């Protein structure tokens, strides 16, 4: 992943922890940001506690931290970080079924003007 600028890192950090962590350096890798927030397990425990209390997680980012950031950029960065903390469950890959008689009939049908 590419580095994240400090303003975006602060906003993502707030979304993950509800606090205002100040990342160090001019740019930070997302993995390092989670490390600065206490690591995956700490953020995961925080998320579980917030959800158990019926609150939203990731936390809504206040306007002053969103200022100057694109909404899509912020959402994508939060989602990438959230997936590192709370990965989505894997789903089995479904194999395509062989076409049945109806499918084959539809595949043979062509409009009247086709092929003229």
PDB file of N, CA and C in Angstrom:
ATOM      1  N   UNK A   1       0.832  -1.184   0.000  1.00  0.00           N
ATOM      2  CA  UNK A   1       0.000   0.000   0.000  1.00  0.00           C
ATOM      3  C   UNK A   1       0.872   1.241   0.000  1.00  0.00           C
ATOM      4  N   UNK A   2       0.351   2.314  -0.505  1.00  0.00           N
ATOM      5  CA  UNK A   2       1.116   3.549  -0.551  1.00  0.00           C
ATOM      6  C   UNK A   2       1.038   4.272   0.789  1.00  0.00           C
ATOM      7  N   UNK A   3       1.928   5.231   0.952  1.00  0.00           N
ATOM      8  CA  UNK A   3       1.937   6.016   2.176  1.00  0.00           C
ATOM      9  C   UNK A   3       0.710   6.909   2.239  1.00  0.00           C
ATOM     10  N   UNK A   4       0.331   7.262   3.459  1.00  0.00           N
ATOM     11  CA  UNK A   4      -0.833   8.098   3.714  1.00  0.00           C
ATOM     12  C   UNK A   4      -0.337   9.421   4.276  1.00  0.00           C
ATOM     13  N   UNK A   5      -0.875  10.549   3.767  1.00  0.00           N
ATOM     14  CA  UNK A   5      -0.425  11.841   4.281  1.00  0.00           C
ATOM     15  C   UNK A   5      -0.907  12.014   5.723  1.00  0.00           C
ATOM     16  N   UNK A   6      -0.251  12.879   6.500  1.00  0.00           N
ATOM     17  CA  UNK A   6      -0.560  13.014   7.922  1.00  0.00           C
ATOM     18  C   UNK A   6      -2.017  13.396   8.211  1.00  0.00           C
ATOM     19  N   UNK A   7      -2.619  14.264   7.404  1.00  0.00           N
ATOM     20  CA  UNK A   7      -4.009  14.655   7.652  1.00  0.00           C
ATOM     21  C   UNK A   7      -4.940  13.457   7.485  1.00  0.00           C
ATOM     22  N   UNK A   8      -4.699  12.660   6.467  1.00  0.00           N
ATOM     23  CA  UNK A   8      -5.514  11.468   6.245  1.00  0.00           C
ATOM     24  C   UNK A   8      -5.257  10.449   7.353  1.00  0.00           C
ATOM     25  N   UNK A   9      -4.007  10.314   7.769  1.00  0.00           N
ATOM     26  CA  UNK A   9      -3.673   9.381   8.849  1.00  0.00           C
ATOM     27  C   UNK A   9      -4.369   9.780  10.143  1.00  0.00           C
ATOM     28  N   UNK A  10      -4.422  11.072  10.431  1.00  0.00           N
ATOM     29  CA  UNK A  10      -5.121  11.534  11.648  1.00  0.00           C
ATOM     30  C   UNK A  10      -6.597  11.190  11.572  1.00  0.00           C
ATOM     31  N   UNK A  11      -7.221  11.419  10.411  1.00  0.00           N
ATOM     32  CA  UNK A  11      -8.646  11.136  10.247  1.00  0.00           C
ATOM     33  C   UNK A  11      -8.916   9.641  10.384  1.00  0.00           C
ATOM     34  N   UNK A  12      -8.079   8.813   9.768  1.00  0.00           N
ATOM     35  CA  UNK A  12      -8.258   7.361   9.872  1.00  0.00           C
ATOM     36  C   UNK A  12      -8.028   6.911  11.308  1.00  0.00           C
ATOM     37  N   UNK A  13      -7.005   7.456  11.948  1.00  0.00           N
ATOM     38  CA  UNK A  13      -6.748   7.127  13.347  1.00  0.00           C
ATOM     39  C   UNK A  13      -7.930   7.464  14.236  1.00  0.00           C
ATOM     40  N   UNK A  14      -8.556   8.608  13.986  1.00  0.00           N
ATOM     41  CA  UNK A  14      -9.741   8.981  14.760  1.00  0.00           C
ATOM     42  C   UNK A  14     -10.872   7.992  14.504  1.00  0.00           C
ATOM     43  N   UNK A  15     -11.069   7.626  13.247  1.00  0.00           N
ATOM     44  CA  UNK A  15     -12.142   6.693  12.912  1.00  0.00           C
ATOM     45  C   UNK A  15     -11.952   5.355  13.616  1.00  0.00           C
ATOM     46  N   UNK A  16     -10.713   4.927  13.761  1.00  0.00           N
ATOM     47  CA  UNK A  16     -10.448   3.633  14.375  1.00  0.00           C
ATOM     48  C   UNK A  16     -10.497   3.659  15.889  1.00  0.00           C
ATOM     49  N   UNK A  17     -10.113   4.787  16.494  1.00  0.00           N
ATOM     50  CA  UNK A  17      -9.982   4.823  17.960  1.00  0.00           C
ATOM     51  C   UNK A  17     -10.919   5.792  18.659  1.00  0.00           C
ATOM     52  N   UNK A  18     -11.468   6.743  17.922  1.00  0.00           N
ATOM     53  CA  UNK A  18     -12.302   7.764  18.563  1.00  0.00           C
ATOM     54  C   UNK A  18     -11.472   8.859  19.198  1.00  0.00           C
ATOM     55  N   UNK A  19     -10.162   8.775  19.083  1.00  0.00           N
ATOM     56  CA  UNK A  19      -9.256   9.779  19.611  1.00  0.00           C
ATOM     57  C   UNK A  19      -8.603  10.545  18.483  1.00  0.00           C
ATOM     58  N   UNK A  20      -7.643  11.351  18.799  1.00  0.00           N
ATOM     59  CA  UNK A  20      -6.965  12.165  17.796  1.00  0.00           C
ATOM     60  C   UNK A  20      -5.471  11.876  17.842  1.00  0.00           C
ATOM     61  N   UNK A  21      -5.048  10.708  17.352  1.00  0.00           N
ATOM     62  CA  UNK A  21      -3.615  10.413  17.377  1.00  0.00           C
ATOM     63  C   UNK A  21      -2.864  11.289  16.392  1.00  0.00           C
ATOM     64  N   UNK A  22      -1.663  11.671  16.755  1.00  0.00           N
ATOM     65  CA  UNK A  22      -0.836  12.494  15.875  1.00  0.00           C
ATOM     66  C   UNK A  22       0.240  11.609  15.264  1.00  0.00           C
ATOM     67  N   UNK A  23       0.081  11.206  14.002  1.00  0.00           N
ATOM     68  CA  UNK A  23       1.109  10.373  13.382  1.00  0.00           C
ATOM     69  C   UNK A  23       2.413  11.134  13.237  1.00  0.00           C
ATOM     70  N   UNK A  24       3.500  10.395  13.255  1.00  0.00           N
ATOM     71  CA  UNK A  24       4.805  11.027  13.114  1.00  0.00           C
ATOM     72  C   UNK A  24       5.278  10.915  11.680  1.00  0.00           C
ATOM     73  N   UNK A  25       6.072  11.866  11.249  1.00  0.00           N
ATOM     74  CA  UNK A  25       6.642  11.840   9.910  1.00  0.00           C
ATOM     75  C   UNK A  25       5.738  12.498   8.887  1.00  0.00           C
ATOM     76  N   UNK A  26       6.301  12.825   7.711  1.00  0.00           N
ATOM     77  CA  UNK A  26       5.528  13.496   6.674  1.00  0.00           C
ATOM     78  C   UNK A  26       4.483  12.594   6.033  1.00  0.00           C
ATOM     79  N   UNK A  27       4.732  11.309   5.963  1.00  0.00           N
ATOM     80  CA  UNK A  27       3.775  10.346   5.414  1.00  0.00           C
ATOM     81  C   UNK A  27       3.957   9.052   6.187  1.00  0.00           C
ATOM     82  N   UNK A  28       2.915   8.266   6.252  1.00  0.00           N
ATOM     83  CA  UNK A  28       2.948   7.066   7.073  1.00  0.00           C
ATOM     84  C   UNK A  28       2.283   5.923   6.319  1.00  0.00           C
ATOM     85  N   UNK A  29       2.820   4.742   6.459  1.00  0.00           N
ATOM     86  CA  UNK A  29       2.185   3.574   5.846  1.00  0.00           C
ATOM     87  C   UNK A  29       0.996   3.168   6.715  1.00  0.00           C
ATOM     88  N   UNK A  30      -0.088   2.664   6.112  1.00  0.00           N
ATOM     89  CA  UNK A  30      -1.257   2.262   6.903  1.00  0.00           C
ATOM     90  C   UNK A  30      -0.918   1.246   7.995  1.00  0.00           C
ATOM     91  N   UNK A  31      -0.011   0.311   7.710  1.00  0.00           N
ATOM     92  CA  UNK A  31       0.363  -0.684   8.716  1.00  0.00           C
ATOM     93  C   UNK A  31       1.023  -0.018   9.920  1.00  0.00           C
ATOM     94  N   UNK A  32       1.845   1.004   9.658  1.00  0.00           N
ATOM     95  CA  UNK A  32       2.510   1.719  10.738  1.00  0.00           C
ATOM     96  C   UNK A  32       1.503   2.523  11.555  1.00  0.00           C
ATOM     97  N   UNK A  33       0.476   3.058  10.907  1.00  0.00           N
ATOM     98  CA  UNK A  33      -0.554   3.805  11.626  1.00  0.00           C
ATOM     99  C   UNK A  33      -1.231   2.907  12.651  1.00  0.00           C
ATOM    100  N   UNK A  34      -1.592   1.709  12.250  1.00  0.00           N
ATOM    101  CA  UNK A  34      -2.245   0.790  13.188  1.00  0.00           C
ATOM    102  C   UNK A  34      -1.282   0.453  14.326  1.00  0.00           C
ATOM    103  N   UNK A  35       0.000   0.321  14.025  1.00  0.00           N
ATOM    104  CA  UNK A  35       0.986   0.099  15.071  1.00  0.00           C
ATOM    105  C   UNK A  35       1.056   1.273  16.047  1.00  0.00           C
ATOM    106  N   UNK A  36       0.988   2.504  15.533  1.00  0.00           N
ATOM    107  CA  UNK A  36       1.011   3.684  16.390  1.00  0.00           C
ATOM    108  C   UNK A  36      -0.242   3.779  17.255  1.00  0.00           C
ATOM    109  N   UNK A  37      -1.316   3.152  16.795  1.00  0.00           N
ATOM    110  CA  UNK A  37      -2.565   3.174  17.560  1.00  0.00           C
ATOM    111  C   UNK A  37      -2.605   2.071  18.616  1.00  0.00           C
ATOM    112  N   UNK A  38      -1.552   1.297  18.722  1.00  0.00           N
ATOM    113  CA  UNK A  38      -1.494   0.250  19.737  1.00  0.00           C
ATOM    114  C   UNK A  38      -1.539  -1.154  19.167  1.00  0.00           C
ATOM    115  N   UNK A  39      -1.626  -1.264  17.866  1.00  0.00           N
ATOM    116  CA  UNK A  39      -1.627  -2.571  17.227  1.00  0.00           C
ATOM    117  C   UNK A  39      -3.020  -3.077  16.917  1.00  0.00           C
ATOM    118  N   UNK A  40      -3.027  -4.115  16.117  1.00  0.00           N
ATOM    119  CA  UNK A  40      -4.283  -4.685  15.628  1.00  0.00           C
ATOM    120  C   UNK A  40      -5.176  -5.153  16.768  1.00  0.00           C
ATOM    121  N   UNK A  41      -4.610  -5.878  17.719  1.00  0.00           N
ATOM    122  CA  UNK A  41      -5.423  -6.434  18.810  1.00  0.00           C
ATOM    123  C   UNK A  41      -6.062  -5.341  19.663  1.00  0.00           C
ATOM    124  N   UNK A  42      -5.321  -4.281  19.931  1.00  0.00           N
ATOM    125  CA  UNK A  42      -5.862  -3.188  20.751  1.00  0.00           C
ATOM    126  C   UNK A  42      -7.009  -2.497  20.026  1.00  0.00           C
ATOM    127  N   UNK A  43      -6.831  -2.215  18.747  1.00  0.00           N
ATOM    128  CA  UNK A  43      -7.885  -1.552  17.986  1.00  0.00           C
ATOM    129  C   UNK A  43      -9.083  -2.484  17.830  1.00  0.00           C
ATOM    130  N   UNK A  44      -8.823  -3.774  17.619  1.00  0.00           N
ATOM    131  CA  UNK A  44      -9.913  -4.754  17.517  1.00  0.00           C
ATOM    132  C   UNK A  44     -10.720  -4.811  18.816  1.00  0.00           C
ATOM    133  N   UNK A  45     -10.041  -4.789  19.964  1.00  0.00           N
ATOM    134  CA  UNK A  45     -10.733  -4.804  21.255  1.00  0.00           C
ATOM    135  C   UNK A  45     -11.564  -3.534  21.435  1.00  0.00           C
ATOM    136  N   UNK A  46     -11.004  -2.392  21.023  1.00  0.00           N
ATOM    137  CA  UNK A  46     -11.743  -1.128  21.100  1.00  0.00           C
ATOM    138  C   UNK A  46     -13.006  -1.197  20.237  1.00  0.00           C
ATOM    139  N   UNK A  47     -12.858  -1.719  19.024  1.00  0.00           N
ATOM    140  CA  UNK A  47     -14.003  -1.833  18.123  1.00  0.00           C
ATOM    141  C   UNK A  47     -15.084  -2.718  18.724  1.00  0.00           C
ATOM    142  N   UNK A  48     -14.696  -3.830  19.325  1.00  0.00           N
ATOM    143  CA  UNK A  48     -15.670  -4.735  19.942  1.00  0.00           C
ATOM    144  C   UNK A  48     -16.399  -4.055  21.095  1.00  0.00           C
ATOM    145  N   UNK A  49     -15.660  -3.295  21.904  1.00  0.00           N
ATOM    146  CA  UNK A  49     -16.292  -2.598  23.031  1.00  0.00           C
ATOM    147  C   UNK A  49     -17.266  -1.529  22.549  1.00  0.00           C
ATOM    148  N   UNK A  50     -16.876  -0.800  21.513  1.00  0.00           N
ATOM    149  CA  UNK A  50     -17.745   0.253  20.974  1.00  0.00           C
ATOM    150  C   UNK A  50     -19.012  -0.362  20.388  1.00  0.00           C
ATOM    151  N   UNK A  51     -18.864  -1.433  19.629  1.00  0.00           N
ATOM    152  CA  UNK A  51     -20.032  -2.099  19.038  1.00  0.00           C
ATOM    153  C   UNK A  51     -20.936  -2.685  20.120  1.00  0.00           C
ATOM    154  N   UNK A  52     -20.341  -3.254  21.172  1.00  0.00           N
ATOM    155  CA  UNK A  52     -21.125  -3.833  22.266  1.00  0.00           C
ATOM    156  C   UNK A  52     -21.947  -2.760  22.973  1.00  0.00           C
ATOM    157  N   UNK A  53     -21.432  -1.540  22.996  1.00  0.00           N
ATOM    158  CA  UNK A  53     -22.159  -0.429  23.609  1.00  0.00           C
ATOM    159  C   UNK A  53     -23.226   0.145  22.677  1.00  0.00           C
ATOM    160  N   UNK A  54     -23.329  -0.415  21.473  1.00  0.00           N
ATOM    161  CA  UNK A  54     -24.330   0.052  20.515  1.00  0.00           C
ATOM    162  C   UNK A  54     -23.928   1.296  19.757  1.00  0.00           C
ATOM    163  N   UNK A  55     -22.655   1.630  19.789  1.00  0.00           N
ATOM    164  CA  UNK A  55     -22.147   2.811  19.079  1.00  0.00           C
ATOM    165  C   UNK A  55     -21.580   2.399  17.730  1.00  0.00           C
ATOM    166  N   UNK A  56     -21.497   3.332  16.789  1.00  0.00           N
ATOM    167  CA  UNK A  56     -20.939   2.990  15.478  1.00  0.00           C
ATOM    168  C   UNK A  56     -19.412   2.885  15.526  1.00  0.00           C
ATOM    169  N   UNK A  57     -18.906   1.901  14.811  1.00  0.00           N
ATOM    170  CA  UNK A  57     -17.470   1.771  14.607  1.00  0.00           C
ATOM    171  C   UNK A  57     -17.254   1.341  13.177  1.00  0.00           C
ATOM    172  N   UNK A  58     -16.368   1.947  12.444  1.00  0.00           N
ATOM    173  CA  UNK A  58     -15.467   3.039  12.797  1.00  0.00           C
ATOM    174  C   UNK A  58     -16.224   4.304  13.195  1.00  0.00           C
ATOM    175  N   UNK A  59     -15.577   5.074  14.052  1.00  0.00           N
ATOM    176  CA  UNK A  59     -16.173   6.302  14.556  1.00  0.00           C
ATOM    177  C   UNK A  59     -16.377   7.312  13.424  1.00  0.00           C
ATOM    178  N   UNK A  60     -17.466   8.084  13.470  1.00  0.00           N
ATOM    179  CA  UNK A  60     -17.619   9.175  12.497  1.00  0.00           C
ATOM    180  C   UNK A  60     -16.507  10.203  12.694  1.00  0.00           C
ATOM    181  N   UNK A  61     -15.913  10.635  11.614  1.00  0.00           N
ATOM    182  CA  UNK A  61     -14.798  11.579  11.679  1.00  0.00           C
ATOM    183  C   UNK A  61     -15.367  12.995  11.720  1.00  0.00           C
ATOM    184  N   UNK A  62     -14.961  13.812  12.712  1.00  0.00           N
ATOM    185  CA  UNK A  62     -15.500  15.179  12.805  1.00  0.00           C
ATOM    186  C   UNK A  62     -15.053  16.050  11.628  1.00  0.00           C
ATOM    187  N   UNK A  63     -15.848  17.081  11.325  1.00  0.00           N
ATOM    188  CA  UNK A  63     -15.562  17.937  10.164  1.00  0.00           C
ATOM    189  C   UNK A  63     -14.166  18.545  10.161  1.00  0.00           C
ATOM    190  N   UNK A  64     -13.641  18.923  11.316  1.00  0.00           N
ATOM    191  CA  UNK A  64     -12.316  19.562  11.332  1.00  0.00           C
ATOM    192  C   UNK A  64     -11.208  18.605  10.902  1.00  0.00           C
ATOM    193  N   UNK A  65     -11.399  17.296  11.093  1.00  0.00           N
ATOM    194  CA  UNK A  65     -10.409  16.325  10.624  1.00  0.00           C
ATOM    195  C   UNK A  65     -10.644  15.924   9.167  1.00  0.00           C
ATOM    196  N   UNK A  66     -11.875  16.114   8.674  1.00  0.00           N
ATOM    197  CA  UNK A  66     -12.183  15.799   7.270  1.00  0.00           C
ATOM    198  C   UNK A  66     -11.820  16.942   6.337  1.00  0.00           C
ATOM    199  N   UNK A  67     -11.596  18.129   6.875  1.00  0.00           N
ATOM    200  CA  UNK A  67     -11.329  19.308   6.067  1.00  0.00           C
ATOM    201  C   UNK A  67     -10.135  19.086   5.140  1.00  0.00           C
ATOM    202  N   UNK A  68     -10.354  19.325   3.858  1.00  0.00           N
ATOM    203  CA  UNK A  68      -9.295  19.193   2.864  1.00  0.00           C
ATOM    204  C   UNK A  68      -9.106  17.784   2.332  1.00  0.00           C
ATOM    205  N   UNK A  69      -9.873  16.837   2.847  1.00  0.00           N
ATOM    206  CA  UNK A  69      -9.763  15.451   2.380  1.00  0.00           C
ATOM    207  C   UNK A  69     -10.960  15.124   1.502  1.00  0.00           C
ATOM    208  N   UNK A  70     -10.743  14.393   0.449  1.00  0.00           N
ATOM    209  CA  UNK A  70     -11.840  13.944  -0.384  1.00  0.00           C
ATOM    210  C   UNK A  70     -12.642  12.869   0.339  1.00  0.00           C
ATOM    211  N   UNK A  71     -13.955  12.898   0.191  1.00  0.00           N
ATOM    212  CA  UNK A  71     -14.812  11.929   0.870  1.00  0.00           C
ATOM    213  C   UNK A  71     -14.476  10.504   0.441  1.00  0.00           C
ATOM    214  N   UNK A  72     -14.285  10.283  -0.847  1.00  0.00           N
ATOM    215  CA  UNK A  72     -13.976   8.942  -1.341  1.00  0.00           C
ATOM    216  C   UNK A  72     -12.603   8.488  -0.844  1.00  0.00           C
ATOM    217  N   UNK A  73     -11.642   9.411  -0.839  1.00  0.00           N
ATOM    218  CA  UNK A  73     -10.298   9.092  -0.362  1.00  0.00           C
ATOM    219  C   UNK A  73     -10.354   8.677   1.107  1.00  0.00           C
ATOM    220  N   UNK A  74     -11.088   9.433   1.920  1.00  0.00           N
ATOM    221  CA  UNK A  74     -11.196   9.131   3.344  1.00  0.00           C
ATOM    222  C   UNK A  74     -11.904   7.799   3.554  1.00  0.00           C
ATOM    223  N   UNK A  75     -13.014   7.608   2.862  1.00  0.00           N
ATOM    224  CA  UNK A  75     -13.766   6.366   3.016  1.00  0.00           C
ATOM    225  C   UNK A  75     -12.910   5.158   2.628  1.00  0.00           C
ATOM    226  N   UNK A  76     -12.186   5.262   1.525  1.00  0.00           N
ATOM    227  CA  UNK A  76     -11.342   4.152   1.070  1.00  0.00           C
ATOM    228  C   UNK A  76     -10.233   3.855   2.081  1.00  0.00           C
ATOM    229  N   UNK A  77      -9.617   4.882   2.628  1.00  0.00           N
ATOM    230  CA  UNK A  77      -8.539   4.683   3.597  1.00  0.00           C
ATOM    231  C   UNK A  77      -9.069   4.048   4.881  1.00  0.00           C
ATOM    232  N   UNK A  78     -10.235   4.490   5.342  1.00  0.00           N
ATOM    233  CA  UNK A  78     -10.837   3.893   6.542  1.00  0.00           C
ATOM    234  C   UNK A  78     -11.197   2.443   6.273  1.00  0.00           C
ATOM    235  N   UNK A  79     -11.745   2.170   5.106  1.00  0.00           N
ATOM    236  CA  UNK A  79     -12.133   0.792   4.772  1.00  0.00           C
ATOM    237  C   UNK A  79     -10.922  -0.124   4.686  1.00  0.00           C
ATOM    238  N   UNK A  80      -9.822   0.344   4.091  1.00  0.00           N
ATOM    239  CA  UNK A  80      -8.595  -0.470   4.038  1.00  0.00           C
ATOM    240  C   UNK A  80      -8.093  -0.780   5.438  1.00  0.00           C
ATOM    241  N   UNK A  81      -8.083   0.228   6.298  1.00  0.00           N
ATOM    242  CA  UNK A  81      -7.617   0.024   7.673  1.00  0.00           C
ATOM    243  C   UNK A  81      -8.576  -0.891   8.429  1.00  0.00           C
ATOM    244  N   UNK A  82      -9.877  -0.717   8.224  1.00  0.00           N
ATOM    245  CA  UNK A  82     -10.869  -1.541   8.905  1.00  0.00           C
ATOM    246  C   UNK A  82     -10.706  -3.003   8.514  1.00  0.00           C
ATOM    247  N   UNK A  83     -10.396  -3.252   7.250  1.00  0.00           N
ATOM    248  CA  UNK A  83     -10.219  -4.629   6.807  1.00  0.00           C
ATOM    249  C   UNK A  83      -8.958  -5.260   7.381  1.00  0.00           C
ATOM    250  N   UNK A  84      -7.968  -4.447   7.710  1.00  0.00           N
ATOM    251  CA  UNK A  84      -6.777  -4.982   8.384  1.00  0.00           C
ATOM    252  C   UNK A  84      -7.119  -5.369   9.817  1.00  0.00           C
ATOM    253  N   UNK A  85      -8.008  -4.610  10.440  1.00  0.00           N
ATOM    254  CA  UNK A  85      -8.400  -4.857  11.824  1.00  0.00           C
ATOM    255  C   UNK A  85      -9.433  -5.981  11.895  1.00  0.00           C
ATOM    256  N   UNK A  86     -10.414  -5.924  11.019  1.00  0.00           N
ATOM    257  CA  UNK A  86     -11.580  -6.808  11.062  1.00  0.00           C
ATOM    258  C   UNK A  86     -11.824  -7.351   9.659  1.00  0.00           C
ATOM    259  N   UNK A  87     -10.999  -8.318   9.200  1.00  0.00           N
ATOM    260  CA  UNK A  87     -11.126  -8.780   7.816  1.00  0.00           C
ATOM    261  C   UNK A  87     -12.483  -9.417   7.544  1.00  0.00           C
ATOM    262  N   UNK A  88     -12.989  -9.221   6.331  1.00  0.00           N
ATOM    263  CA  UNK A  88     -14.276  -9.840   6.000  1.00  0.00           C
ATOM    264  C   UNK A  88     -14.117 -11.354   5.917  1.00  0.00           C
ATOM    265  N   UNK A  89     -15.186 -12.096   6.228  1.00  0.00           N
ATOM    266  CA  UNK A  89     -15.081 -13.553   6.139  1.00  0.00           C
ATOM    267  C   UNK A  89     -14.896 -13.982   4.689  1.00  0.00           C
ATOM    268  N   UNK A  90     -14.130 -15.018   4.509  1.00  0.00           N
ATOM    269  CA  UNK A  90     -13.931 -15.507   3.148  1.00  0.00           C
ATOM    270  C   UNK A  90     -15.143 -16.340   2.748  1.00  0.00           C
ATOM    271  N   UNK A  91     -15.490 -16.243   1.488  1.00  0.00           N
ATOM    272  CA  UNK A  91     -16.615 -17.007   0.957  1.00  0.00           C
ATOM    273  C   UNK A  91     -16.084 -18.020  -0.042  1.00  0.00           C
ATOM    274  N   UNK A  92     -16.686 -19.201  -0.058  1.00  0.00           N
ATOM    275  CA  UNK A  92     -16.224 -20.183  -1.037  1.00  0.00           C
ATOM    276  C   UNK A  92     -16.563 -19.714  -2.449  1.00  0.00           C
ATOM    277  N   UNK A  93     -15.709 -20.067  -3.373  1.00  0.00           N
ATOM    278  CA  UNK A  93     -15.935 -19.723  -4.773  1.00  0.00           C
ATOM    279  C   UNK A  93     -16.895 -20.754  -5.353  1.00  0.00           C
ATOM    280  N   UNK A  94     -17.973 -20.266  -5.943  1.00  0.00           N
ATOM    281  CA  UNK A  94     -18.953 -21.169  -6.534  1.00  0.00           C
ATOM    282  C   UNK A  94     -18.574 -21.442  -7.978  1.00  0.00           C
ATOM    283  N   UNK A  95     -18.655 -22.686  -8.341  1.00  0.00           N
ATOM    284  CA  UNK A  95     -18.364 -23.072  -9.721  1.00  0.00           C
ATOM    285  C   UNK A  95     -19.634 -22.920 -10.537  1.00  0.00           C
ATOM    286  N   UNK A  96     -19.466 -22.528 -11.765  1.00  0.00           N
ATOM    287  CA  UNK A  96     -20.602 -22.381 -12.662  1.00  0.00           C
ATOM    288  C   UNK A  96     -21.180 -23.762 -12.969  1.00  0.00           C
ATOM    289  N   UNK A  97     -22.496 -23.846 -12.939  1.00  0.00           N
ATOM    290  CA  UNK A  97     -23.174 -25.106 -13.258  1.00  0.00           C
ATOM    291  C   UNK A  97     -23.236 -25.282 -14.774  1.00  0.00           C
ATOM    292  N   UNK A  98     -23.250 -26.503 -15.203  1.00  0.00           N
ATOM    293  CA  UNK A  98     -23.389 -26.796 -16.635  1.00  0.00           C
ATOM    294  C   UNK A  98     -24.767 -26.334 -17.097  1.00  0.00           C
ATOM    295  N   UNK A  99     -24.880 -25.819 -18.307  1.00  0.00           N
ATOM    296  CA  UNK A  99     -26.184 -25.355 -18.779  1.00  0.00           C
ATOM    297  C   UNK A  99     -27.183 -26.513 -18.883  1.00  0.00           C
ATOM    298  N   UNK A 100     -28.411 -26.245 -18.438  1.00  0.00           N
ATOM    299  CA  UNK A 100     -29.448 -27.268 -18.552  1.00  0.00           C
ATOM    300  C   UNK A 100     -30.172 -27.102 -19.893  1.00  0.00           C
ATOM    301  N   UNK A 101     -31.247 -27.853 -20.097  1.00  0.00           N
ATOM    302  CA  UNK A 101     -31.963 -27.844 -21.387  1.00  0.00           C
ATOM    303  C   UNK A 101     -32.502 -26.452 -21.712  1.00  0.00           C
ATOM    304  N   UNK A 102     -33.049 -25.744 -20.712  1.00  0.00           N
ATOM    305  CA  UNK A 102     -33.585 -24.395 -20.962  1.00  0.00           C
ATOM    306  C   UNK A 102     -32.476 -23.428 -21.361  1.00  0.00           C
ATOM    307  N   UNK A 103     -31.332 -23.516 -20.693  1.00  0.00           N
ATOM    308  CA  UNK A 103     -30.207 -22.645 -21.035  1.00  0.00           C
ATOM    309  C   UNK A 103     -29.745 -22.897 -22.471  1.00  0.00           C
ATOM    310  N   UNK A 104     -29.650 -24.151 -22.837  1.00  0.00           N
ATOM    311  CA  UNK A 104     -29.213 -24.496 -24.191  1.00  0.00           C
ATOM    312  C   UNK A 104     -30.207 -23.991 -25.240  1.00  0.00           C
ATOM    313  N   UNK A 105     -31.503 -24.110 -24.947  1.00  0.00           N
ATOM    314  CA  UNK A 105     -32.525 -23.609 -25.863  1.00  0.00           C
ATOM    315  C   UNK A 105     -32.380 -22.105 -26.047  1.00  0.00           C
ATOM    316  N   UNK A 106     -32.171 -21.385 -24.960  1.00  0.00           N
ATOM    317  CA  UNK A 106     -32.008 -19.926 -25.041  1.00  0.00           C
ATOM    318  C   UNK A 106     -30.743 -19.545 -25.806  1.00  0.00           C
ATOM    319  N   UNK A 107     -29.706 -20.316 -25.642  1.00  0.00           N
ATOM    320  CA  UNK A 107     -28.464 -20.030 -26.360  1.00  0.00           C
ATOM    321  C   UNK A 107     -28.616 -20.233 -27.871  1.00  0.00           C
ATOM    322  N   UNK A 108     -29.506 -21.157 -28.278  1.00  0.00           N
ATOM    323  CA  UNK A 108     -29.733 -21.415 -29.693  1.00  0.00           C
ATOM    324  C   UNK A 108     -30.649 -20.369 -30.331  1.00  0.00           C
ATOM    325  N   UNK A 109     -31.475 -19.726 -29.511  1.00  0.00           N
ATOM    326  CA  UNK A 109     -32.405 -18.737 -30.060  1.00  0.00           C
ATOM    327  C   UNK A 109     -31.647 -17.486 -30.497  1.00  0.00           C
ATOM    328  N   UNK A 110     -32.045 -16.969 -31.636  1.00  0.00           N
ATOM    329  CA  UNK A 110     -31.482 -15.713 -32.129  1.00  0.00           C
ATOM    330  C   UNK A 110     -32.624 -14.853 -32.647  1.00  0.00           C
ATOM    331  N   UNK A 111     -32.492 -13.553 -32.586  1.00  0.00           N
ATOM    332  CA  UNK A 111     -33.538 -12.686 -33.115  1.00  0.00           C
ATOM    333  C   UNK A 111     -33.722 -12.943 -34.609  1.00  0.00           C
ATOM    334  N   UNK A 112     -34.927 -12.653 -35.151  1.00  0.00           N
ATOM    335  CA  UNK A 112     -35.189 -12.909 -36.573  1.00  0.00           C
ATOM    336  C   UNK A 112     -34.208 -12.204 -37.500  1.00  0.00           C
ATOM    337  N   UNK A 113     -33.720 -11.029 -37.134  1.00  0.00           N
ATOM    338  CA  UNK A 113     -32.824 -10.277 -38.031  1.00  0.00           C
ATOM    339  C   UNK A 113     -31.363 -10.719 -37.899  1.00  0.00           C
ATOM    340  N   UNK A 114     -31.068 -11.569 -36.962  1.00  0.00           N
ATOM    341  CA  UNK A 114     -29.697 -11.984 -36.723  1.00  0.00           C
ATOM    342  C   UNK A 114     -29.246 -12.981 -37.803  1.00  0.00           C
ATOM    343  N   UNK A 115     -28.115 -12.725 -38.409  1.00  0.00           N
ATOM    344  CA  UNK A 115     -27.545 -13.647 -39.377  1.00  0.00           C
ATOM    345  C   UNK A 115     -28.014 -13.435 -40.804  1.00  0.00           C
ATOM    346  N   UNK A 116     -28.858 -12.454 -41.045  1.00  0.00           N
ATOM    347  CA  UNK A 116     -29.316 -12.201 -42.420  1.00  0.00           C
ATOM    348  C   UNK A 116     -28.328 -11.380 -43.176  1.00  0.00           C
TER     349      UNK A 116
END
